[in-house]
């Protein structure tokens, strides 16, 4: 399931920021089997948290291009509370796509941020933060995604039970 979450920021020229994410496969793999075996029966299982990849589209009214930033939550950054200086999400790729077209073109140049100058990368992160896509937003996205994923999981289990039930 793909979910859309939009934020509009007023400025001159007008800018629309849209965030799209998919909850499928958004739960990181569980901890080692050894850790689960060591877990005592009365201990509670750790909470499963959905950390989906997400795409930020920035559209300015006066251009024919959309700036597209493909973002994700690195596994080693999620859940590190108290580290305000560290970003909990990263930008993986950046590209421009034609505004208003449903399908993006694979032929458009896409920049992988692994090879990007860190100063430019920091400017892109600041650009997102200025438009409301920051750690607070990312935390809210994780909460929303986790709730949606749990809801879909329960629905899936109910559908599976009905499907395989012998009559």
N, C-alpha and C. Protein backbone atom coordinates (compact mmCIF):
# COMPACT_ATOMS: atom_id res chain seq x y z
N UNK A 1 0.84 -1.19 0.00
CA UNK A 1 0.00 0.00 0.00
C UNK A 1 0.88 1.24 0.00
N UNK A 2 0.57 2.16 -0.87
CA UNK A 2 1.28 3.42 -0.92
C UNK A 2 0.40 4.47 -0.27
N UNK A 3 1.01 5.24 0.61
CA UNK A 3 0.29 6.28 1.33
C UNK A 3 0.89 7.63 0.99
N UNK A 4 0.05 8.64 0.88
CA UNK A 4 0.50 9.98 0.55
C UNK A 4 0.30 10.87 1.75
N UNK A 5 1.27 11.71 1.98
CA UNK A 5 1.19 12.67 3.07
C UNK A 5 1.70 13.97 2.50
N UNK A 6 0.88 14.99 2.43
CA UNK A 6 1.28 16.23 1.78
C UNK A 6 1.39 17.37 2.77
N UNK A 7 2.33 18.22 2.50
CA UNK A 7 2.46 19.48 3.23
C UNK A 7 2.66 20.57 2.20
N UNK A 8 1.95 21.63 2.36
CA UNK A 8 2.10 22.76 1.45
C UNK A 8 2.74 23.91 2.23
N UNK A 9 3.75 24.50 1.65
CA UNK A 9 4.45 25.60 2.29
C UNK A 9 4.25 26.84 1.43
N UNK A 10 3.76 27.89 2.04
CA UNK A 10 3.54 29.12 1.29
C UNK A 10 4.84 29.90 1.19
N UNK A 11 5.18 30.30 0.00
CA UNK A 11 6.33 31.15 -0.23
C UNK A 11 6.17 31.74 -1.62
N UNK A 12 7.11 32.53 -2.02
CA UNK A 12 7.04 33.08 -3.36
C UNK A 12 8.24 32.59 -4.13
N UNK A 13 8.11 31.86 -5.19
CA UNK A 13 6.87 31.35 -5.74
C UNK A 13 6.30 30.21 -4.88
N UNK A 14 5.02 29.93 -5.08
CA UNK A 14 4.34 28.91 -4.29
C UNK A 14 5.03 27.55 -4.46
N UNK A 15 5.15 26.84 -3.36
CA UNK A 15 5.83 25.55 -3.37
C UNK A 15 4.92 24.51 -2.73
N UNK A 16 4.85 23.34 -3.36
CA UNK A 16 4.10 22.22 -2.80
C UNK A 16 5.09 21.11 -2.50
N UNK A 17 5.03 20.62 -1.26
CA UNK A 17 5.89 19.51 -0.85
C UNK A 17 4.99 18.31 -0.60
N UNK A 18 5.26 17.21 -1.30
CA UNK A 18 4.48 15.98 -1.15
C UNK A 18 5.41 14.86 -0.72
N UNK A 19 4.97 14.10 0.27
CA UNK A 19 5.73 12.94 0.74
C UNK A 19 4.91 11.70 0.46
N UNK A 20 5.53 10.71 -0.17
CA UNK A 20 4.90 9.44 -0.49
C UNK A 20 5.71 8.33 0.16
N UNK A 21 5.00 7.37 0.77
CA UNK A 21 5.71 6.24 1.37
C UNK A 21 4.88 4.98 1.21
N UNK A 22 5.54 3.85 1.34
CA UNK A 22 4.91 2.55 1.18
C UNK A 22 5.21 1.73 2.42
N UNK A 23 4.17 1.18 3.06
CA UNK A 23 4.38 0.44 4.30
C UNK A 23 4.82 -1.00 4.08
N UNK A 24 4.73 -1.50 2.85
CA UNK A 24 5.17 -2.87 2.58
C UNK A 24 6.66 -2.99 2.84
N UNK A 25 7.05 -4.05 3.54
CA UNK A 25 8.46 -4.32 3.88
C UNK A 25 9.12 -3.18 4.64
N UNK A 26 8.36 -2.49 5.46
CA UNK A 26 8.90 -1.34 6.19
C UNK A 26 9.31 -1.68 7.63
N UNK A 27 9.08 -2.93 8.05
CA UNK A 27 9.51 -3.38 9.38
C UNK A 27 10.89 -4.01 9.20
N UNK A 28 11.92 -3.46 9.85
CA UNK A 28 13.26 -4.06 9.72
C UNK A 28 13.25 -5.50 10.22
N UNK A 29 14.18 -6.31 9.74
CA UNK A 29 14.26 -7.70 10.21
C UNK A 29 14.39 -7.74 11.73
N UNK A 30 13.82 -8.79 12.34
CA UNK A 30 13.87 -8.91 13.79
C UNK A 30 15.28 -9.24 14.24
N UNK A 31 15.49 -9.13 15.54
CA UNK A 31 16.80 -9.38 16.12
C UNK A 31 17.20 -10.83 15.94
N UNK A 32 18.45 -11.14 16.22
CA UNK A 32 18.99 -12.50 16.07
C UNK A 32 18.13 -13.52 16.78
N UNK A 33 18.17 -14.74 16.28
CA UNK A 33 17.47 -15.85 16.93
C UNK A 33 18.06 -16.09 18.32
N UNK A 34 19.37 -15.87 18.48
CA UNK A 34 20.01 -16.07 19.79
C UNK A 34 19.39 -15.16 20.83
N UNK A 35 19.17 -13.90 20.46
CA UNK A 35 18.58 -12.94 21.39
C UNK A 35 17.17 -13.37 21.77
N UNK A 36 16.41 -13.88 20.80
CA UNK A 36 15.05 -14.32 21.09
C UNK A 36 15.06 -15.52 22.01
N UNK A 37 16.03 -16.42 21.83
CA UNK A 37 16.11 -17.60 22.70
C UNK A 37 16.47 -17.22 24.12
N UNK A 38 17.28 -16.17 24.29
CA UNK A 38 17.69 -15.73 25.61
C UNK A 38 16.59 -14.96 26.32
N UNK A 39 15.59 -14.52 25.59
CA UNK A 39 14.51 -13.72 26.17
C UNK A 39 13.71 -14.57 27.15
N UNK A 40 13.48 -14.01 28.31
CA UNK A 40 12.72 -14.72 29.34
C UNK A 40 11.24 -14.71 28.99
N UNK A 41 10.49 -15.73 29.39
CA UNK A 41 9.07 -15.83 29.02
C UNK A 41 8.24 -14.63 29.47
N UNK A 42 8.58 -14.01 30.59
CA UNK A 42 7.77 -12.89 31.08
C UNK A 42 8.17 -11.56 30.46
N UNK A 43 9.24 -11.54 29.64
CA UNK A 43 9.64 -10.30 29.00
C UNK A 43 8.76 -10.03 27.79
N UNK A 44 8.49 -8.77 27.58
CA UNK A 44 7.64 -8.38 26.46
C UNK A 44 8.48 -8.29 25.19
N UNK A 45 7.88 -8.69 24.07
CA UNK A 45 8.55 -8.59 22.78
C UNK A 45 8.81 -7.11 22.48
N UNK A 46 9.90 -6.80 21.79
CA UNK A 46 10.14 -5.40 21.44
C UNK A 46 9.08 -4.90 20.46
N UNK A 47 8.75 -3.62 20.54
CA UNK A 47 7.78 -3.05 19.62
C UNK A 47 8.34 -3.07 18.21
N UNK A 48 7.48 -3.42 17.25
CA UNK A 48 7.86 -3.39 15.85
C UNK A 48 7.56 -2.00 15.31
N UNK A 49 8.56 -1.38 14.74
CA UNK A 49 8.42 -0.02 14.24
C UNK A 49 8.62 -0.01 12.73
N UNK A 50 7.69 0.62 12.05
CA UNK A 50 7.75 0.75 10.60
C UNK A 50 8.61 1.95 10.24
N UNK A 51 9.65 1.71 9.44
CA UNK A 51 10.52 2.78 8.97
C UNK A 51 10.59 2.73 7.45
N UNK A 52 9.56 3.27 6.80
CA UNK A 52 9.49 3.13 5.34
C UNK A 52 10.43 4.07 4.60
N UNK A 53 10.87 3.62 3.43
CA UNK A 53 11.51 4.56 2.52
C UNK A 53 10.44 5.57 2.12
N UNK A 54 10.84 6.79 1.84
CA UNK A 54 9.84 7.78 1.42
C UNK A 54 10.44 8.71 0.38
N UNK A 55 9.55 9.26 -0.44
CA UNK A 55 9.95 10.15 -1.53
C UNK A 55 9.36 11.53 -1.26
N UNK A 56 10.22 12.53 -1.32
CA UNK A 56 9.79 13.92 -1.16
C UNK A 56 9.82 14.56 -2.54
N UNK A 57 8.68 15.12 -2.94
CA UNK A 57 8.60 15.85 -4.20
C UNK A 57 8.38 17.31 -3.88
N UNK A 58 9.22 18.17 -4.45
CA UNK A 58 9.11 19.61 -4.25
C UNK A 58 8.77 20.22 -5.60
N UNK A 59 7.59 20.84 -5.67
CA UNK A 59 7.10 21.42 -6.91
C UNK A 59 6.95 22.92 -6.72
N UNK A 60 7.58 23.68 -7.58
CA UNK A 60 7.40 25.13 -7.59
C UNK A 60 6.50 25.49 -8.76
N UNK A 61 5.56 26.41 -8.52
CA UNK A 61 4.58 26.77 -9.55
C UNK A 61 5.21 27.31 -10.83
N UNK A 62 6.36 27.97 -10.71
CA UNK A 62 6.92 28.64 -11.88
C UNK A 62 7.91 27.76 -12.67
N UNK A 63 7.96 26.47 -12.36
CA UNK A 63 8.88 25.59 -13.10
C UNK A 63 8.12 24.40 -13.67
N UNK A 64 8.75 23.73 -14.61
CA UNK A 64 8.16 22.53 -15.21
C UNK A 64 8.83 21.28 -14.68
N UNK A 65 9.65 21.44 -13.64
CA UNK A 65 10.36 20.31 -13.07
C UNK A 65 10.00 20.14 -11.61
N UNK A 66 10.05 18.89 -11.16
CA UNK A 66 9.84 18.55 -9.76
C UNK A 66 11.16 18.01 -9.22
N UNK A 67 11.59 18.54 -8.09
CA UNK A 67 12.77 18.02 -7.43
C UNK A 67 12.33 16.81 -6.61
N UNK A 68 12.94 15.65 -6.86
CA UNK A 68 12.56 14.40 -6.22
C UNK A 68 13.73 13.92 -5.35
N UNK A 69 13.45 13.72 -4.07
CA UNK A 69 14.46 13.24 -3.13
C UNK A 69 14.00 11.91 -2.54
N UNK A 70 14.76 10.87 -2.81
CA UNK A 70 14.45 9.52 -2.31
C UNK A 70 15.15 9.37 -0.97
N UNK A 71 14.37 9.19 0.10
CA UNK A 71 14.92 9.16 1.46
C UNK A 71 14.67 7.81 2.13
N UNK A 72 15.48 7.52 3.14
CA UNK A 72 15.28 6.30 3.91
C UNK A 72 15.81 6.49 5.33
N UNK A 73 15.43 5.56 6.18
CA UNK A 73 15.87 5.53 7.57
C UNK A 73 16.97 4.49 7.70
N UNK A 74 18.22 4.90 7.90
CA UNK A 74 19.26 3.90 8.12
C UNK A 74 18.99 3.15 9.42
N UNK A 75 19.20 1.85 9.42
CA UNK A 75 18.88 1.04 10.59
C UNK A 75 19.63 1.47 11.83
N UNK A 76 20.85 1.97 11.67
CA UNK A 76 21.64 2.35 12.84
C UNK A 76 21.26 3.71 13.41
N UNK A 77 20.39 4.47 12.74
CA UNK A 77 19.99 5.79 13.23
C UNK A 77 18.65 5.79 13.94
N UNK A 78 17.79 4.83 13.64
CA UNK A 78 16.45 4.82 14.20
C UNK A 78 16.52 4.46 15.67
N UNK A 79 15.80 5.24 16.48
CA UNK A 79 15.71 4.95 17.91
C UNK A 79 16.83 5.55 18.74
N UNK A 80 17.67 6.40 18.16
CA UNK A 80 18.72 7.06 18.92
C UNK A 80 18.18 8.38 19.46
N UNK A 81 17.46 8.32 20.56
CA UNK A 81 16.90 9.53 21.15
C UNK A 81 17.98 10.29 21.88
N UNK A 82 17.81 11.60 21.94
CA UNK A 82 18.76 12.43 22.66
C UNK A 82 19.91 12.90 21.79
N UNK A 83 19.99 12.45 20.56
CA UNK A 83 21.02 12.90 19.64
C UNK A 83 20.41 13.90 18.68
N UNK A 84 20.20 15.12 19.16
CA UNK A 84 19.49 16.12 18.37
C UNK A 84 20.26 16.55 17.13
N UNK A 85 21.58 16.46 17.16
CA UNK A 85 22.39 16.90 16.03
C UNK A 85 22.31 15.95 14.85
N UNK A 86 22.00 14.70 15.09
CA UNK A 86 22.01 13.68 14.05
C UNK A 86 20.65 13.60 13.35
N UNK A 87 20.69 13.50 12.02
CA UNK A 87 19.46 13.30 11.26
C UNK A 87 19.06 11.84 11.34
N UNK A 88 17.76 11.58 11.54
CA UNK A 88 17.31 10.19 11.65
C UNK A 88 16.98 9.58 10.29
N UNK A 89 16.98 10.40 9.24
CA UNK A 89 16.77 9.89 7.88
C UNK A 89 17.86 10.47 6.99
N UNK A 90 18.05 9.82 5.86
CA UNK A 90 19.05 10.30 4.91
C UNK A 90 18.43 10.39 3.52
N UNK A 91 19.06 11.19 2.69
CA UNK A 91 18.68 11.29 1.28
C UNK A 91 19.55 10.30 0.53
N UNK A 92 18.92 9.40 -0.21
CA UNK A 92 19.67 8.38 -0.96
C UNK A 92 19.93 8.84 -2.39
N UNK A 93 18.91 9.43 -3.03
CA UNK A 93 19.04 9.86 -4.43
C UNK A 93 18.28 11.16 -4.64
N UNK A 94 18.73 11.93 -5.64
CA UNK A 94 18.09 13.19 -6.00
C UNK A 94 17.98 13.24 -7.52
N UNK A 95 16.82 13.68 -8.00
CA UNK A 95 16.65 13.85 -9.45
C UNK A 95 15.63 14.93 -9.72
N UNK A 96 15.57 15.34 -10.97
CA UNK A 96 14.50 16.21 -11.45
C UNK A 96 13.61 15.37 -12.35
N UNK A 97 12.30 15.54 -12.21
CA UNK A 97 11.33 14.85 -13.05
C UNK A 97 10.35 15.89 -13.59
N UNK A 98 9.76 15.63 -14.75
CA UNK A 98 8.78 16.58 -15.30
C UNK A 98 7.57 16.69 -14.37
N UNK A 99 7.15 17.90 -14.09
CA UNK A 99 5.98 18.13 -13.23
C UNK A 99 4.72 17.69 -13.94
N UNK A 100 3.86 16.99 -13.20
CA UNK A 100 2.56 16.61 -13.73
C UNK A 100 2.52 15.28 -14.45
N UNK A 101 3.64 14.62 -14.63
CA UNK A 101 3.64 13.31 -15.30
C UNK A 101 3.56 12.22 -14.25
N UNK A 102 2.68 11.26 -14.49
CA UNK A 102 2.46 10.18 -13.52
C UNK A 102 3.67 9.26 -13.39
N UNK A 103 4.32 8.96 -14.50
CA UNK A 103 5.47 8.06 -14.48
C UNK A 103 6.76 8.85 -14.63
N UNK A 104 7.69 8.55 -13.74
CA UNK A 104 9.00 9.20 -13.84
C UNK A 104 9.81 8.54 -14.92
N UNK A 105 10.70 9.30 -15.49
CA UNK A 105 11.54 8.80 -16.58
C UNK A 105 12.84 8.27 -16.01
N UNK A 106 13.14 7.02 -16.35
CA UNK A 106 14.40 6.42 -15.93
C UNK A 106 15.59 7.05 -16.64
N UNK A 107 15.30 7.74 -17.73
CA UNK A 107 16.39 8.36 -18.49
C UNK A 107 16.86 9.67 -17.87
N UNK A 108 16.07 10.25 -16.94
CA UNK A 108 16.51 11.48 -16.28
C UNK A 108 17.66 11.16 -15.33
N UNK A 109 18.63 12.05 -15.30
CA UNK A 109 19.80 11.84 -14.46
C UNK A 109 19.39 11.77 -12.99
N UNK A 110 19.88 10.77 -12.29
CA UNK A 110 19.64 10.61 -10.86
C UNK A 110 20.98 10.58 -10.15
N UNK A 111 21.12 11.44 -9.15
CA UNK A 111 22.36 11.56 -8.40
C UNK A 111 22.28 10.73 -7.14
N UNK A 112 23.18 9.77 -6.99
CA UNK A 112 23.29 9.00 -5.76
C UNK A 112 24.10 9.83 -4.78
N UNK A 113 23.58 10.04 -3.58
CA UNK A 113 24.23 10.94 -2.63
C UNK A 113 25.51 10.37 -2.04
N UNK A 114 25.80 9.09 -2.27
CA UNK A 114 27.07 8.53 -1.79
C UNK A 114 28.26 9.26 -2.39
N UNK A 115 28.09 9.78 -3.60
CA UNK A 115 29.18 10.47 -4.28
C UNK A 115 29.05 11.99 -4.21
N UNK A 116 28.15 12.47 -3.37
CA UNK A 116 27.87 13.90 -3.30
C UNK A 116 28.76 14.60 -2.27
N UNK A 117 29.19 15.79 -2.58
CA UNK A 117 29.94 16.61 -1.65
C UNK A 117 29.10 16.84 -0.39
N UNK A 118 29.72 16.69 0.80
CA UNK A 118 28.97 16.79 2.06
C UNK A 118 28.34 18.16 2.27
N UNK A 119 28.99 19.22 1.79
CA UNK A 119 28.42 20.56 1.95
C UNK A 119 27.12 20.67 1.16
N UNK A 120 27.11 20.14 -0.06
CA UNK A 120 25.89 20.16 -0.87
C UNK A 120 24.82 19.27 -0.24
N UNK A 121 25.22 18.12 0.27
CA UNK A 121 24.27 17.23 0.96
C UNK A 121 23.63 17.96 2.15
N UNK A 122 24.43 18.65 2.94
CA UNK A 122 23.91 19.41 4.09
C UNK A 122 22.94 20.50 3.63
N UNK A 123 23.24 21.12 2.50
CA UNK A 123 22.31 22.14 1.96
C UNK A 123 20.99 21.50 1.56
N UNK A 124 21.03 20.31 0.98
CA UNK A 124 19.78 19.61 0.63
C UNK A 124 18.98 19.26 1.88
N UNK A 125 19.66 18.80 2.93
CA UNK A 125 18.96 18.50 4.18
C UNK A 125 18.35 19.77 4.78
N UNK A 126 19.08 20.89 4.72
CA UNK A 126 18.55 22.17 5.20
C UNK A 126 17.36 22.61 4.35
N UNK A 127 17.45 22.40 3.02
CA UNK A 127 16.36 22.71 2.11
C UNK A 127 15.09 21.97 2.52
N UNK A 128 15.24 20.67 2.83
CA UNK A 128 14.09 19.88 3.29
C UNK A 128 13.57 20.40 4.64
N UNK A 129 14.47 20.67 5.56
CA UNK A 129 14.07 21.14 6.89
C UNK A 129 13.31 22.47 6.79
N UNK A 130 13.75 23.35 5.90
CA UNK A 130 13.06 24.63 5.70
C UNK A 130 11.65 24.44 5.17
N UNK A 131 11.38 23.29 4.59
CA UNK A 131 10.05 22.99 4.05
C UNK A 131 9.29 22.00 4.93
N UNK A 132 9.76 21.82 6.15
CA UNK A 132 9.02 21.01 7.13
C UNK A 132 9.37 19.54 7.15
N UNK A 133 10.32 19.10 6.34
CA UNK A 133 10.74 17.70 6.34
C UNK A 133 12.04 17.61 7.15
N UNK A 134 11.87 17.36 8.45
CA UNK A 134 12.99 17.32 9.37
C UNK A 134 12.82 16.13 10.31
N UNK A 135 13.59 16.07 11.39
CA UNK A 135 13.50 14.93 12.31
C UNK A 135 12.12 14.83 12.95
N UNK A 136 11.49 15.95 13.27
CA UNK A 136 10.15 15.92 13.85
C UNK A 136 9.17 15.31 12.86
N UNK A 137 9.25 15.74 11.62
CA UNK A 137 8.40 15.17 10.57
C UNK A 137 8.67 13.67 10.43
N UNK A 138 9.96 13.30 10.43
CA UNK A 138 10.32 11.89 10.27
C UNK A 138 9.78 11.04 11.42
N UNK A 139 9.83 11.57 12.65
CA UNK A 139 9.25 10.86 13.79
C UNK A 139 7.75 10.66 13.62
N UNK A 140 7.06 11.70 13.13
CA UNK A 140 5.62 11.61 12.89
C UNK A 140 5.32 10.60 11.78
N UNK A 141 6.17 10.58 10.76
CA UNK A 141 6.01 9.62 9.67
C UNK A 141 6.17 8.19 10.19
N UNK A 142 7.14 7.97 11.06
CA UNK A 142 7.34 6.64 11.65
C UNK A 142 6.12 6.23 12.47
N UNK A 143 5.59 7.16 13.27
CA UNK A 143 4.39 6.85 14.07
C UNK A 143 3.21 6.50 13.18
N UNK A 144 2.96 7.31 12.15
CA UNK A 144 1.85 7.07 11.24
C UNK A 144 2.04 5.75 10.48
N UNK A 145 3.22 5.55 9.97
CA UNK A 145 3.50 4.33 9.22
C UNK A 145 3.35 3.09 10.09
N UNK A 146 3.82 3.16 11.32
CA UNK A 146 3.71 2.03 12.25
C UNK A 146 2.25 1.71 12.52
N UNK A 147 1.45 2.74 12.77
CA UNK A 147 0.02 2.53 13.01
C UNK A 147 -0.66 1.92 11.79
N UNK A 148 -0.36 2.44 10.60
CA UNK A 148 -0.95 1.91 9.37
C UNK A 148 -0.51 0.48 9.11
N UNK A 149 0.77 0.19 9.34
CA UNK A 149 1.30 -1.15 9.11
C UNK A 149 0.63 -2.15 10.04
N UNK A 150 0.48 -1.79 11.32
CA UNK A 150 -0.18 -2.69 12.28
C UNK A 150 -1.64 -2.93 11.87
N UNK A 151 -2.31 -1.87 11.44
CA UNK A 151 -3.70 -1.99 10.99
C UNK A 151 -3.81 -2.92 9.79
N UNK A 152 -2.92 -2.75 8.82
CA UNK A 152 -2.93 -3.60 7.63
C UNK A 152 -2.56 -5.04 7.98
N UNK A 153 -1.65 -5.24 8.93
CA UNK A 153 -1.23 -6.57 9.35
C UNK A 153 -2.41 -7.32 9.97
N UNK A 154 -3.14 -6.65 10.84
CA UNK A 154 -4.31 -7.28 11.47
C UNK A 154 -5.35 -7.64 10.42
N UNK A 155 -5.60 -6.71 9.49
CA UNK A 155 -6.55 -6.98 8.41
C UNK A 155 -6.08 -8.17 7.57
N UNK A 156 -4.79 -8.25 7.28
CA UNK A 156 -4.24 -9.36 6.51
C UNK A 156 -4.46 -10.68 7.24
N UNK A 157 -4.19 -10.70 8.54
CA UNK A 157 -4.38 -11.93 9.32
C UNK A 157 -5.84 -12.37 9.32
N UNK A 158 -6.75 -11.39 9.46
CA UNK A 158 -8.18 -11.72 9.42
C UNK A 158 -8.58 -12.27 8.06
N UNK A 159 -8.08 -11.65 6.99
CA UNK A 159 -8.37 -12.13 5.63
C UNK A 159 -7.77 -13.51 5.40
N UNK A 160 -6.57 -13.74 5.90
CA UNK A 160 -5.93 -15.04 5.75
C UNK A 160 -6.70 -16.11 6.50
N UNK A 161 -7.16 -15.78 7.70
CA UNK A 161 -7.96 -16.74 8.48
C UNK A 161 -9.25 -17.11 7.74
N UNK A 162 -9.92 -16.11 7.19
CA UNK A 162 -11.15 -16.37 6.44
C UNK A 162 -10.87 -17.18 5.19
N UNK A 163 -9.77 -16.92 4.54
CA UNK A 163 -9.44 -17.61 3.30
C UNK A 163 -9.13 -19.08 3.51
N UNK A 164 -8.38 -19.39 4.55
CA UNK A 164 -7.96 -20.78 4.75
C UNK A 164 -8.90 -21.58 5.66
N UNK A 165 -9.89 -20.91 6.21
CA UNK A 165 -10.82 -21.58 7.13
C UNK A 165 -11.56 -22.69 6.40
N UNK A 166 -11.57 -23.86 6.99
CA UNK A 166 -12.28 -25.01 6.41
C UNK A 166 -13.77 -24.90 6.74
N UNK A 167 -14.59 -25.18 5.77
CA UNK A 167 -16.03 -25.09 6.01
C UNK A 167 -16.69 -26.43 5.83
